[in-house]
């Protein structure tokens, strides 16, 4: 994320993602969401946000906030999730002009994905 970019008040800008295996999690997010991975380090850059994988805190698959990530083609992304070692927790449902699904990454984190517009 460019240091010169101005962030809006309240904008999500950094996230720590629990991981049991940082390399496995990095590979998953790179394949599924095309995030830029800063190898050999445990950090990443996603659109409008940076973060790290951490091993000192477990995932909270049954509680806590759920992060929603925008995707272009939800059905294709769900296929990549399965191939990359993730799990589909909740299949695609319509929500007004959006299509939503929930997945679990290899570290056990539940993540929402959303496709805006026609499916």
N, C-alpha and C. Protein backbone atom coordinates (compact mmCIF):
# COMPACT_ATOMS: atom_id res chain seq x y z
N UNK A 1 0.86 -1.17 0.00
CA UNK A 1 0.00 0.00 0.00
C UNK A 1 0.90 1.23 0.00
N UNK A 2 0.64 2.10 -0.89
CA UNK A 2 1.47 3.27 -1.03
C UNK A 2 1.42 4.14 0.22
N UNK A 3 2.60 4.56 0.67
CA UNK A 3 2.69 5.40 1.86
C UNK A 3 2.05 6.77 1.62
N UNK A 4 1.93 7.18 0.36
CA UNK A 4 1.37 8.48 0.04
C UNK A 4 -0.16 8.46 -0.03
N UNK A 5 -0.75 7.31 -0.01
CA UNK A 5 -2.20 7.19 -0.12
C UNK A 5 -2.88 7.63 1.17
N UNK A 6 -3.85 8.51 1.06
CA UNK A 6 -4.59 8.99 2.23
C UNK A 6 -5.69 8.00 2.57
N UNK A 7 -5.76 7.58 3.82
CA UNK A 7 -6.79 6.67 4.26
C UNK A 7 -7.95 7.45 4.86
N UNK A 8 -9.16 6.98 4.60
CA UNK A 8 -10.36 7.62 5.14
C UNK A 8 -10.54 7.21 6.59
N UNK A 9 -11.06 8.12 7.40
CA UNK A 9 -11.36 7.81 8.79
C UNK A 9 -12.32 6.62 8.84
N UNK A 10 -11.98 5.59 9.59
CA UNK A 10 -12.81 4.41 9.73
C UNK A 10 -12.56 3.33 8.70
N UNK A 11 -11.67 3.57 7.74
CA UNK A 11 -11.38 2.59 6.70
C UNK A 11 -10.54 1.46 7.27
N UNK A 12 -10.89 0.22 6.95
CA UNK A 12 -10.07 -0.92 7.33
C UNK A 12 -8.75 -0.83 6.57
N UNK A 13 -7.61 -0.87 7.29
CA UNK A 13 -6.33 -0.67 6.61
C UNK A 13 -5.30 -1.74 6.94
N UNK A 14 -5.50 -2.51 8.01
CA UNK A 14 -4.51 -3.50 8.41
C UNK A 14 -5.24 -4.65 9.09
N UNK A 15 -4.77 -5.86 8.85
CA UNK A 15 -5.41 -7.01 9.47
C UNK A 15 -4.35 -8.06 9.82
N UNK A 16 -4.52 -8.68 10.97
CA UNK A 16 -3.71 -9.83 11.36
C UNK A 16 -4.59 -11.06 11.20
N UNK A 17 -4.11 -12.04 10.45
CA UNK A 17 -4.89 -13.24 10.19
C UNK A 17 -4.21 -14.42 10.89
N UNK A 18 -4.90 -15.06 11.85
CA UNK A 18 -4.32 -16.24 12.50
C UNK A 18 -4.05 -17.34 11.47
N UNK A 19 -2.91 -18.01 11.65
CA UNK A 19 -2.52 -19.08 10.73
C UNK A 19 -1.81 -20.18 11.50
N UNK A 20 -2.13 -21.42 11.20
CA UNK A 20 -1.38 -22.53 11.78
C UNK A 20 -0.11 -22.80 11.00
N UNK A 21 -0.11 -22.46 9.71
CA UNK A 21 1.04 -22.61 8.84
C UNK A 21 1.06 -21.38 7.93
N UNK A 22 1.97 -20.44 8.17
CA UNK A 22 1.99 -19.17 7.44
C UNK A 22 2.18 -19.37 5.94
N UNK A 23 3.02 -20.31 5.55
CA UNK A 23 3.25 -20.56 4.13
C UNK A 23 1.98 -21.06 3.46
N UNK A 24 1.30 -21.99 4.10
CA UNK A 24 0.06 -22.54 3.57
C UNK A 24 -1.00 -21.44 3.44
N UNK A 25 -1.13 -20.60 4.46
CA UNK A 25 -2.10 -19.50 4.41
C UNK A 25 -1.72 -18.50 3.32
N UNK A 26 -0.45 -18.16 3.20
CA UNK A 26 0.00 -17.24 2.16
C UNK A 26 -0.34 -17.78 0.77
N UNK A 27 -0.08 -19.05 0.55
CA UNK A 27 -0.40 -19.67 -0.74
C UNK A 27 -1.89 -19.61 -1.03
N UNK A 28 -2.71 -19.88 0.00
CA UNK A 28 -4.17 -19.86 -0.14
C UNK A 28 -4.66 -18.47 -0.57
N UNK A 29 -4.28 -17.43 0.15
CA UNK A 29 -4.76 -16.08 -0.15
C UNK A 29 -4.21 -15.57 -1.49
N UNK A 30 -3.02 -15.99 -1.83
CA UNK A 30 -2.46 -15.61 -3.12
C UNK A 30 -3.26 -16.25 -4.26
N UNK A 31 -3.59 -17.54 -4.12
CA UNK A 31 -4.33 -18.25 -5.17
C UNK A 31 -5.78 -17.79 -5.26
N UNK A 32 -6.43 -17.63 -4.12
CA UNK A 32 -7.86 -17.33 -4.11
C UNK A 32 -8.15 -15.86 -4.41
N UNK A 33 -7.39 -14.94 -3.81
CA UNK A 33 -7.69 -13.51 -3.92
C UNK A 33 -6.62 -12.70 -4.66
N UNK A 34 -5.57 -13.35 -5.14
CA UNK A 34 -4.48 -12.67 -5.86
C UNK A 34 -3.78 -11.61 -5.02
N UNK A 35 -3.72 -11.83 -3.70
CA UNK A 35 -3.00 -10.90 -2.84
C UNK A 35 -1.50 -11.00 -3.11
N UNK A 36 -0.80 -9.92 -2.94
CA UNK A 36 0.65 -9.89 -3.11
C UNK A 36 1.30 -10.33 -1.81
N UNK A 37 2.10 -11.37 -1.88
CA UNK A 37 2.75 -11.95 -0.70
C UNK A 37 4.18 -11.45 -0.64
N UNK A 38 4.61 -11.00 0.52
CA UNK A 38 5.95 -10.47 0.72
C UNK A 38 6.84 -11.59 1.26
N UNK A 39 7.29 -12.47 0.36
CA UNK A 39 8.14 -13.59 0.77
C UNK A 39 9.58 -13.13 0.90
N UNK A 40 10.36 -13.60 1.82
CA UNK A 40 10.10 -14.71 2.73
C UNK A 40 9.39 -14.27 4.01
N UNK A 41 8.91 -13.05 4.06
CA UNK A 41 8.27 -12.54 5.27
C UNK A 41 6.82 -13.02 5.35
N UNK A 42 6.18 -12.78 6.46
CA UNK A 42 4.82 -13.26 6.66
C UNK A 42 3.80 -12.14 6.49
N UNK A 43 4.06 -11.24 5.55
CA UNK A 43 3.16 -10.11 5.34
C UNK A 43 2.56 -10.18 3.94
N UNK A 44 1.52 -9.38 3.74
CA UNK A 44 0.84 -9.34 2.45
C UNK A 44 0.29 -7.95 2.19
N UNK A 45 -0.06 -7.74 0.92
CA UNK A 45 -0.76 -6.52 0.52
C UNK A 45 -1.99 -6.95 -0.27
N UNK A 46 -3.13 -6.43 0.13
CA UNK A 46 -4.40 -6.67 -0.55
C UNK A 46 -4.90 -5.31 -1.00
N UNK A 47 -5.89 -5.25 -1.89
CA UNK A 47 -6.39 -3.94 -2.33
C UNK A 47 -6.80 -3.06 -1.16
N UNK A 48 -6.10 -1.95 -0.97
CA UNK A 48 -6.41 -0.99 0.08
C UNK A 48 -6.04 -1.41 1.48
N UNK A 49 -5.25 -2.47 1.63
CA UNK A 49 -4.97 -2.98 2.98
C UNK A 49 -3.67 -3.79 2.99
N UNK A 50 -3.02 -3.80 4.15
CA UNK A 50 -1.85 -4.63 4.36
C UNK A 50 -2.10 -5.49 5.60
N UNK A 51 -1.24 -6.48 5.82
CA UNK A 51 -1.40 -7.30 7.01
C UNK A 51 -0.33 -8.36 7.14
N UNK A 52 -0.50 -9.19 8.16
CA UNK A 52 0.43 -10.28 8.48
C UNK A 52 -0.34 -11.52 8.89
N UNK A 53 0.27 -12.69 8.68
CA UNK A 53 -0.23 -13.92 9.27
C UNK A 53 0.45 -14.07 10.61
N UNK A 54 -0.30 -14.48 11.61
CA UNK A 54 0.26 -14.62 12.96
C UNK A 54 -0.06 -16.01 13.50
N UNK A 55 0.84 -16.51 14.32
CA UNK A 55 0.63 -17.85 14.90
C UNK A 55 0.44 -17.80 16.41
N UNK A 56 0.46 -16.61 17.01
CA UNK A 56 0.33 -16.52 18.47
C UNK A 56 -1.11 -16.35 18.94
N UNK A 57 -2.07 -16.44 18.00
CA UNK A 57 -3.48 -16.34 18.37
C UNK A 57 -4.25 -17.31 17.48
N UNK A 58 -5.13 -18.12 18.07
CA UNK A 58 -5.88 -19.07 17.25
C UNK A 58 -7.00 -18.38 16.47
N UNK A 59 -7.44 -19.04 15.42
CA UNK A 59 -8.61 -18.57 14.68
C UNK A 59 -9.83 -18.64 15.59
N UNK A 60 -10.83 -17.84 15.28
CA UNK A 60 -12.08 -17.85 16.03
C UNK A 60 -13.22 -18.19 15.07
N UNK A 61 -13.29 -19.45 14.64
CA UNK A 61 -14.25 -19.82 13.60
C UNK A 61 -15.72 -19.73 14.03
N UNK A 62 -15.99 -19.70 15.32
CA UNK A 62 -17.38 -19.67 15.79
C UNK A 62 -17.78 -18.33 16.39
N UNK A 63 -16.85 -17.35 16.45
CA UNK A 63 -17.18 -16.07 17.06
C UNK A 63 -16.30 -14.98 16.45
N UNK A 64 -16.55 -13.76 16.85
CA UNK A 64 -15.74 -12.64 16.38
C UNK A 64 -16.22 -12.11 15.05
N UNK A 65 -15.59 -11.03 14.58
CA UNK A 65 -15.98 -10.42 13.31
C UNK A 65 -15.71 -11.33 12.13
N UNK A 66 -16.47 -11.16 11.07
CA UNK A 66 -16.23 -11.85 9.81
C UNK A 66 -15.84 -10.79 8.79
N UNK A 67 -14.70 -10.96 8.16
CA UNK A 67 -14.24 -10.05 7.11
C UNK A 67 -14.86 -10.52 5.80
N UNK A 68 -15.39 -9.58 5.03
CA UNK A 68 -15.97 -9.89 3.72
C UNK A 68 -15.06 -9.35 2.64
N UNK A 69 -14.74 -10.20 1.66
CA UNK A 69 -13.84 -9.84 0.57
C UNK A 69 -14.61 -9.88 -0.74
N UNK A 70 -14.49 -8.82 -1.51
CA UNK A 70 -15.16 -8.74 -2.80
C UNK A 70 -14.46 -9.63 -3.82
N UNK A 71 -15.26 -10.33 -4.63
CA UNK A 71 -14.72 -11.19 -5.69
C UNK A 71 -15.46 -10.87 -6.99
N UNK A 72 -14.81 -11.18 -8.12
CA UNK A 72 -15.43 -10.92 -9.42
C UNK A 72 -16.44 -12.00 -9.81
N UNK A 73 -16.06 -13.27 -9.61
CA UNK A 73 -16.92 -14.39 -10.02
C UNK A 73 -16.96 -15.41 -8.89
N UNK A 74 -18.01 -15.36 -8.10
CA UNK A 74 -18.09 -16.12 -6.87
C UNK A 74 -17.98 -17.64 -7.09
N UNK A 75 -18.61 -18.16 -8.15
CA UNK A 75 -18.55 -19.60 -8.40
C UNK A 75 -17.13 -20.06 -8.71
N UNK A 76 -16.41 -19.27 -9.51
CA UNK A 76 -15.01 -19.59 -9.82
C UNK A 76 -14.16 -19.55 -8.56
N UNK A 77 -14.39 -18.53 -7.72
CA UNK A 77 -13.60 -18.39 -6.49
C UNK A 77 -13.85 -19.58 -5.56
N UNK A 78 -15.09 -20.05 -5.45
CA UNK A 78 -15.37 -21.21 -4.60
C UNK A 78 -14.63 -22.45 -5.09
N UNK A 79 -14.50 -22.61 -6.40
CA UNK A 79 -13.72 -23.73 -6.94
C UNK A 79 -12.25 -23.60 -6.55
N UNK A 80 -11.71 -22.40 -6.65
CA UNK A 80 -10.30 -22.18 -6.28
C UNK A 80 -10.11 -22.41 -4.77
N UNK A 81 -11.09 -22.00 -3.97
CA UNK A 81 -11.01 -22.23 -2.52
C UNK A 81 -10.81 -23.71 -2.23
N UNK A 82 -11.61 -24.56 -2.85
CA UNK A 82 -11.51 -26.01 -2.64
C UNK A 82 -10.15 -26.54 -3.09
N UNK A 83 -9.71 -26.11 -4.26
CA UNK A 83 -8.42 -26.56 -4.81
C UNK A 83 -7.26 -26.11 -3.93
N UNK A 84 -7.37 -24.91 -3.36
CA UNK A 84 -6.29 -24.33 -2.57
C UNK A 84 -6.29 -24.80 -1.11
N UNK A 85 -7.17 -25.72 -0.75
CA UNK A 85 -7.15 -26.27 0.60
C UNK A 85 -8.12 -25.64 1.57
N UNK A 86 -9.03 -24.81 1.07
CA UNK A 86 -10.05 -24.22 1.92
C UNK A 86 -11.32 -25.03 1.89
N UNK A 87 -12.34 -24.51 2.56
CA UNK A 87 -13.62 -25.21 2.67
C UNK A 87 -14.75 -24.20 2.48
N UNK A 88 -15.79 -24.61 1.78
CA UNK A 88 -16.98 -23.79 1.65
C UNK A 88 -17.86 -24.07 2.87
N UNK A 89 -18.10 -23.05 3.67
CA UNK A 89 -18.89 -23.20 4.90
C UNK A 89 -20.37 -22.95 4.61
N UNK A 90 -20.65 -21.96 3.77
CA UNK A 90 -22.02 -21.61 3.39
C UNK A 90 -22.02 -21.33 1.90
N UNK A 91 -22.83 -22.06 1.15
CA UNK A 91 -22.90 -21.87 -0.30
C UNK A 91 -23.47 -20.51 -0.67
N UNK A 92 -23.54 -20.27 -1.94
CA UNK A 92 -23.95 -18.98 -2.47
C UNK A 92 -25.42 -18.70 -2.18
N UNK A 93 -25.68 -17.51 -1.65
CA UNK A 93 -27.04 -17.03 -1.43
C UNK A 93 -27.16 -15.62 -2.00
N UNK A 94 -28.36 -15.28 -2.41
CA UNK A 94 -28.62 -13.93 -2.93
C UNK A 94 -28.89 -12.98 -1.77
N UNK A 95 -28.39 -11.76 -1.90
CA UNK A 95 -28.64 -10.71 -0.92
C UNK A 95 -28.83 -9.41 -1.69
N UNK A 96 -30.04 -9.20 -2.18
CA UNK A 96 -30.28 -8.03 -3.02
C UNK A 96 -29.45 -8.12 -4.28
N UNK A 97 -28.64 -7.11 -4.57
CA UNK A 97 -27.82 -7.12 -5.78
C UNK A 97 -26.50 -7.90 -5.62
N UNK A 98 -26.34 -8.58 -4.48
CA UNK A 98 -25.09 -9.29 -4.20
C UNK A 98 -25.31 -10.80 -4.11
N UNK A 99 -24.21 -11.53 -4.31
CA UNK A 99 -24.17 -12.97 -4.08
C UNK A 99 -23.13 -13.20 -2.99
N UNK A 100 -23.51 -13.92 -1.95
CA UNK A 100 -22.65 -14.10 -0.79
C UNK A 100 -22.37 -15.57 -0.54
N UNK A 101 -21.20 -15.86 0.04
CA UNK A 101 -20.85 -17.20 0.50
C UNK A 101 -19.84 -17.04 1.62
N UNK A 102 -19.69 -18.08 2.43
CA UNK A 102 -18.66 -18.07 3.48
C UNK A 102 -17.74 -19.26 3.27
N UNK A 103 -16.46 -19.00 3.51
CA UNK A 103 -15.43 -20.03 3.35
C UNK A 103 -14.60 -20.10 4.62
N UNK A 104 -13.83 -21.18 4.74
CA UNK A 104 -12.87 -21.33 5.84
C UNK A 104 -11.50 -21.49 5.21
N UNK A 105 -10.54 -20.67 5.66
CA UNK A 105 -9.18 -20.78 5.13
C UNK A 105 -8.44 -21.94 5.82
N UNK A 106 -7.23 -22.29 5.37
CA UNK A 106 -6.51 -23.41 5.98
C UNK A 106 -6.20 -23.23 7.46
N UNK A 107 -6.18 -21.99 7.96
CA UNK A 107 -5.92 -21.74 9.37
C UNK A 107 -7.16 -21.84 10.24
N UNK A 108 -8.34 -22.03 9.63
CA UNK A 108 -9.58 -22.17 10.38
C UNK A 108 -10.43 -20.92 10.44
N UNK A 109 -9.99 -19.82 9.81
CA UNK A 109 -10.73 -18.56 9.83
C UNK A 109 -11.90 -18.60 8.86
N UNK A 110 -13.06 -18.12 9.30
CA UNK A 110 -14.22 -18.01 8.43
C UNK A 110 -14.21 -16.61 7.79
N UNK A 111 -14.37 -16.59 6.46
CA UNK A 111 -14.30 -15.36 5.69
C UNK A 111 -15.52 -15.31 4.78
N UNK A 112 -16.12 -14.14 4.65
CA UNK A 112 -17.20 -13.96 3.70
C UNK A 112 -16.66 -13.49 2.37
N UNK A 113 -17.29 -13.96 1.29
CA UNK A 113 -16.95 -13.44 -0.03
C UNK A 113 -18.23 -12.91 -0.64
N UNK A 114 -18.11 -11.83 -1.43
CA UNK A 114 -19.27 -11.17 -2.00
C UNK A 114 -19.01 -10.79 -3.44
N UNK A 115 -19.93 -11.19 -4.29
CA UNK A 115 -19.91 -10.75 -5.70
C UNK A 115 -21.03 -9.75 -5.87
N UNK A 116 -20.70 -8.57 -6.35
CA UNK A 116 -21.70 -7.53 -6.58
C UNK A 116 -22.13 -7.58 -8.04
N UNK A 117 -23.43 -7.54 -8.28
CA UNK A 117 -23.95 -7.58 -9.64
C UNK A 117 -24.39 -8.98 -10.02
N UNK A 118 -24.72 -9.15 -11.31
CA UNK A 118 -25.27 -10.44 -11.77
C UNK A 118 -24.28 -11.58 -11.61
N UNK A 119 -24.84 -12.74 -11.38
CA UNK A 119 -24.02 -13.95 -11.17
C UNK A 119 -23.68 -14.60 -12.47
